[in-house]
Amino acid sequence: MEYIYIDKFCRFVMMGHQVMGEFIMNKIYIRDLVVNCIIGTEPKERVEKQDVCINIKMECDFINACESDCLEDTVNYKALKDELVEVIEKSEFLLIERMAGEIAKRCLAHDLVLSVVVSVDKPGALTGARSVAVEIERER
């Protein structure tokens, strides 16, 4: 059977009909990125920086990079990480939910990123708990 790529969302057609099932997308992970920033609603949190731990999973179309070995054919995850660290270190978000949303928006600004899952952990936010975390999913 011949499959024909028809759009950036990796949908395929087979003899004029959409193929059932999902195309398996390539993924890029940024794991356990720790950034020191102002985050929180308590008065102490508005003046003292604290660590957040960020995990990102991006579904991407980097099939060309698998053949070309060219950075231009994939998401430059070092540049993305540098951008995120710069933004988060300068930020003063009240909520980790808002921070996760901003991270997702910046990931999706890259043309090759089709969807993203972002989790943000705030260690020590609750007495007796290792951390509090949120996870969001966004797609184009």
C-alpha atoms as a PDB file:
ATOM      1  CA  MET A   1       0.000   0.000   0.000  1.00  0.00           C
ATOM      2  CA  GLU A   2       1.182   3.489  -0.788  1.00  0.00           C
ATOM      3  CA  TYR A   3       0.791   6.266   1.757  1.00  0.00           C
ATOM      4  CA  ILE A   4       0.923   9.909   0.729  1.00  0.00           C
ATOM      5  CA  TYR A   5       1.816  12.670   3.189  1.00  0.00           C
ATOM      6  CA  ILE A   6      -0.816  15.403   2.898  1.00  0.00           C
ATOM      7  CA  ASP A   7      -0.219  18.027   5.575  1.00  0.00           C
ATOM      8  CA  LYS A   8       1.936  19.280   8.434  1.00  0.00           C
ATOM      9  CA  PHE A   9      -0.152  17.335  10.960  1.00  0.00           C
ATOM     10  CA  CYS A  10       1.105  14.078   9.429  1.00  0.00           C
ATOM     11  CA  ARG A  11      -2.246  12.841   8.161  1.00  0.00           C
ATOM     12  CA  PHE A  12      -1.999  10.328   5.419  1.00  0.00           C
ATOM     13  CA  VAL A  13      -4.284   9.105   2.681  1.00  0.00           C
ATOM     14  CA  MET A  14      -4.415   5.638   1.217  1.00  0.00           C
ATOM     15  CA  MET A  15      -6.057   5.274  -2.172  1.00  0.00           C
ATOM     16  CA  GLY A  16      -8.227   8.341  -1.546  1.00  0.00           C
ATOM     17  CA  HIS A  17      -9.232   7.513   2.049  1.00  0.00           C
ATOM     18  CA  GLN A  18      -7.785   8.653   5.341  1.00  0.00           C
ATOM     19  CA  VAL A  19      -5.827   5.913   7.076  1.00  0.00           C
ATOM     20  CA  MET A  20      -7.210   4.939  10.483  1.00  0.00           C
ATOM     21  CA  GLY A  21      -4.781   5.305  13.354  1.00  0.00           C
ATOM     22  CA  GLU A  22      -2.198   7.899  14.172  1.00  0.00           C
ATOM     23  CA  PHE A  23       1.122   8.495  12.510  1.00  0.00           C
ATOM     24  CA  ILE A  24       3.879   7.970  15.069  1.00  0.00           C
ATOM     25  CA  MET A  25       5.501  11.347  15.567  1.00  0.00           C
ATOM     26  CA  ASN A  26       9.086  12.028  16.587  1.00  0.00           C
ATOM     27  CA  LYS A  27       9.566  13.434  20.073  1.00  0.00           C
ATOM     28  CA  ILE A  28      12.095  15.690  21.769  1.00  0.00           C
ATOM     29  CA  TYR A  29      12.324  15.750  25.561  1.00  0.00           C
ATOM     30  CA  ILE A  30      13.859  18.329  27.862  1.00  0.00           C
ATOM     31  CA  ARG A  31      13.984  16.642  31.257  1.00  0.00           C
ATOM     32  CA  ASP A  32      14.480  18.034  34.750  1.00  0.00           C
ATOM     33  CA  LEU A  33      15.419  21.584  33.756  1.00  0.00           C
ATOM     34  CA  VAL A  34      15.888  23.479  37.033  1.00  0.00           C
ATOM     35  CA  VAL A  35      15.439  27.246  36.922  1.00  0.00           C
ATOM     36  CA  ASN A  36      15.665  29.713  39.815  1.00  0.00           C
ATOM     37  CA  CYS A  37      12.938  32.368  39.701  1.00  0.00           C
ATOM     38  CA  ILE A  38      10.314  34.410  41.496  1.00  0.00           C
ATOM     39  CA  ILE A  39       7.163  32.270  41.646  1.00  0.00           C
ATOM     40  CA  GLY A  40       4.262  32.209  44.086  1.00  0.00           C
ATOM     41  CA  THR A  41       1.602  34.253  45.788  1.00  0.00           C
ATOM     42  CA  GLU A  42       2.994  34.503  49.312  1.00  0.00           C
ATOM     43  CA  PRO A  43       4.853  37.730  50.271  1.00  0.00           C
ATOM     44  CA  LYS A  44       8.100  35.825  50.918  1.00  0.00           C
ATOM     45  CA  GLU A  45       7.848  34.193  47.477  1.00  0.00           C
ATOM     46  CA  ARG A  46       7.611  37.598  45.808  1.00  0.00           C
ATOM     47  CA  VAL A  47      11.139  38.537  46.986  1.00  0.00           C
ATOM     48  CA  GLU A  48      13.060  35.241  47.304  1.00  0.00           C
ATOM     49  CA  LYS A  49      13.830  33.203  44.217  1.00  0.00           C
ATOM     50  CA  GLN A  50      13.129  29.496  44.317  1.00  0.00           C
ATOM     51  CA  ASP A  51      13.711  26.539  42.040  1.00  0.00           C
ATOM     52  CA  VAL A  52      11.165  25.083  39.655  1.00  0.00           C
ATOM     53  CA  CYS A  53      11.730  21.836  37.766  1.00  0.00           C
ATOM     54  CA  ILE A  54      10.479  21.765  34.179  1.00  0.00           C
ATOM     55  CA  ASN A  55       9.850  18.779  31.911  1.00  0.00           C
ATOM     56  CA  ILE A  56       8.891  19.179  28.266  1.00  0.00           C
ATOM     57  CA  LYS A  57       7.837  16.659  25.628  1.00  0.00           C
ATOM     58  CA  MET A  58       7.477  18.019  22.115  1.00  0.00           C
ATOM     59  CA  GLU A  59       6.016  16.073  19.207  1.00  0.00           C
ATOM     60  CA  CYS A  60       7.935  17.293  16.201  1.00  0.00           C
ATOM     61  CA  ASP A  61       8.439  16.751  12.527  1.00  0.00           C
ATOM     62  CA  PHE A  62      12.198  16.243  12.318  1.00  0.00           C
ATOM     63  CA  ILE A  63      12.165  13.398   9.811  1.00  0.00           C
ATOM     64  CA  ASN A  64      14.449  15.423   7.508  1.00  0.00           C
ATOM     65  CA  ALA A  65      17.079  15.751  10.257  1.00  0.00           C
ATOM     66  CA  CYS A  66      17.240  11.971  10.517  1.00  0.00           C
ATOM     67  CA  GLU A  67      18.645  11.947   6.988  1.00  0.00           C
ATOM     68  CA  SER A  68      20.350  15.335   6.641  1.00  0.00           C
ATOM     69  CA  ASP A  69      22.063  15.525  10.048  1.00  0.00           C
ATOM     70  CA  CYS A  70      21.436  19.306   9.862  1.00  0.00           C
ATOM     71  CA  LEU A  71      20.409  21.361  12.872  1.00  0.00           C
ATOM     72  CA  GLU A  72      18.152  23.464  10.619  1.00  0.00           C
ATOM     73  CA  ASP A  73      15.957  20.395  10.055  1.00  0.00           C
ATOM     74  CA  THR A  74      15.046  19.953  13.706  1.00  0.00           C
ATOM     75  CA  VAL A  75      14.202  21.950  16.836  1.00  0.00           C
ATOM     76  CA  ASN A  76      17.348  23.500  18.265  1.00  0.00           C
ATOM     77  CA  TYR A  77      16.680  22.353  21.816  1.00  0.00           C
ATOM     78  CA  LYS A  78      19.728  24.146  23.243  1.00  0.00           C
ATOM     79  CA  ALA A  79      18.513  27.470  21.843  1.00  0.00           C
ATOM     80  CA  LEU A  80      14.998  26.717  23.120  1.00  0.00           C
ATOM     81  CA  LYS A  81      16.331  25.840  26.574  1.00  0.00           C
ATOM     82  CA  ASP A  82      18.388  29.053  26.659  1.00  0.00           C
ATOM     83  CA  GLU A  83      15.324  31.096  25.655  1.00  0.00           C
ATOM     84  CA  LEU A  84      13.152  29.451  28.317  1.00  0.00           C
ATOM     85  CA  VAL A  85      15.736  29.892  31.079  1.00  0.00           C
ATOM     86  CA  GLU A  86      16.176  33.571  30.209  1.00  0.00           C
ATOM     87  CA  VAL A  87      12.423  34.226  30.215  1.00  0.00           C
ATOM     88  CA  ILE A  88      11.721  32.261  33.404  1.00  0.00           C
ATOM     89  CA  GLU A  89      14.648  33.707  35.377  1.00  0.00           C
ATOM     90  CA  LYS A  90      13.372  37.218  34.602  1.00  0.00           C
ATOM     91  CA  SER A  91       9.711  36.358  35.187  1.00  0.00           C
ATOM     92  CA  GLU A  92       7.630  36.970  38.277  1.00  0.00           C
ATOM     93  CA  PHE A  93       4.698  34.638  37.680  1.00  0.00           C
ATOM     94  CA  LEU A  94       2.267  34.103  40.512  1.00  0.00           C
ATOM     95  CA  LEU A  95       1.215  30.629  39.375  1.00  0.00           C
ATOM     96  CA  ILE A  96       3.046  27.616  37.979  1.00  0.00           C
ATOM     97  CA  GLU A  97      -0.011  27.164  35.748  1.00  0.00           C
ATOM     98  CA  ARG A  98       0.781  30.483  34.031  1.00  0.00           C
ATOM     99  CA  MET A  99       4.452  29.551  33.741  1.00  0.00           C
ATOM    100  CA  ALA A 100       3.568  26.223  32.087  1.00  0.00           C
ATOM    101  CA  GLY A 101       1.319  28.048  29.618  1.00  0.00           C
ATOM    102  CA  GLU A 102       4.089  30.464  28.650  1.00  0.00           C
ATOM    103  CA  ILE A 103       6.548  27.600  28.159  1.00  0.00           C
ATOM    104  CA  ALA A 104       4.069  25.745  25.935  1.00  0.00           C
ATOM    105  CA  LYS A 105       3.430  28.884  23.870  1.00  0.00           C
ATOM    106  CA  ARG A 106       7.146  29.390  23.277  1.00  0.00           C
ATOM    107  CA  CYS A 107       7.644  25.748  22.291  1.00  0.00           C
ATOM    108  CA  LEU A 108       4.784  25.913  19.793  1.00  0.00           C
ATOM    109  CA  ALA A 109       6.312  29.053  18.256  1.00  0.00           C
ATOM    110  CA  HIS A 110       8.810  26.714  16.577  1.00  0.00           C
ATOM    111  CA  ASP A 111       7.401  25.566  13.236  1.00  0.00           C
ATOM    112  CA  LEU A 112       8.436  21.933  13.643  1.00  0.00           C
ATOM    113  CA  VAL A 113       6.693  21.525  17.031  1.00  0.00           C
ATOM    114  CA  LEU A 114       3.178  20.171  16.523  1.00  0.00           C
ATOM    115  CA  SER A 115       2.239  19.550  20.165  1.00  0.00           C
ATOM    116  CA  VAL A 116       3.797  19.903  23.578  1.00  0.00           C
ATOM    117  CA  VAL A 117       3.352  18.561  27.097  1.00  0.00           C
ATOM    118  CA  VAL A 118       4.818  20.754  29.839  1.00  0.00           C
ATOM    119  CA  SER A 119       5.069  19.968  33.529  1.00  0.00           C
ATOM    120  CA  VAL A 120       6.306  22.425  36.143  1.00  0.00           C
ATOM    121  CA  ASP A 121       7.184  21.213  39.647  1.00  0.00           C
ATOM    122  CA  LYS A 122       7.545  23.580  42.580  1.00  0.00           C
ATOM    123  CA  PRO A 123       9.569  21.712  45.228  1.00  0.00           C
ATOM    124  CA  GLY A 124       8.704  22.424  48.846  1.00  0.00           C
ATOM    125  CA  ALA A 125       5.485  24.285  48.038  1.00  0.00           C
ATOM    126  CA  LEU A 126       3.530  22.194  50.543  1.00  0.00           C
ATOM    127  CA  THR A 127       4.699  20.988  53.921  1.00  0.00           C
ATOM    128  CA  GLY A 128       5.070  17.224  53.824  1.00  0.00           C
ATOM    129  CA  ALA A 129       5.079  17.004  50.022  1.00  0.00           C
ATOM    130  CA  ARG A 130       8.176  16.768  47.845  1.00  0.00           C
ATOM    131  CA  SER A 131       6.609  19.133  45.317  1.00  0.00           C
ATOM    132  CA  VAL A 132       3.462  20.438  43.712  1.00  0.00           C
ATOM    133  CA  ALA A 133       3.217  20.141  39.938  1.00  0.00           C
ATOM    134  CA  VAL A 134       1.004  21.040  37.009  1.00  0.00           C
ATOM    135  CA  GLU A 135       0.977  19.445  33.573  1.00  0.00           C
ATOM    136  CA  ILE A 136      -0.570  20.925  30.456  1.00  0.00           C
ATOM    137  CA  GLU A 137      -0.880  19.769  26.855  1.00  0.00           C
ATOM    138  CA  ARG A 138      -1.164  22.088  23.891  1.00  0.00           C
ATOM    139  CA  GLU A 139      -1.175  21.592  20.140  1.00  0.00           C
ATOM    140  CA  ARG A 140      -1.402  23.655  16.999  1.00  0.00           C
END
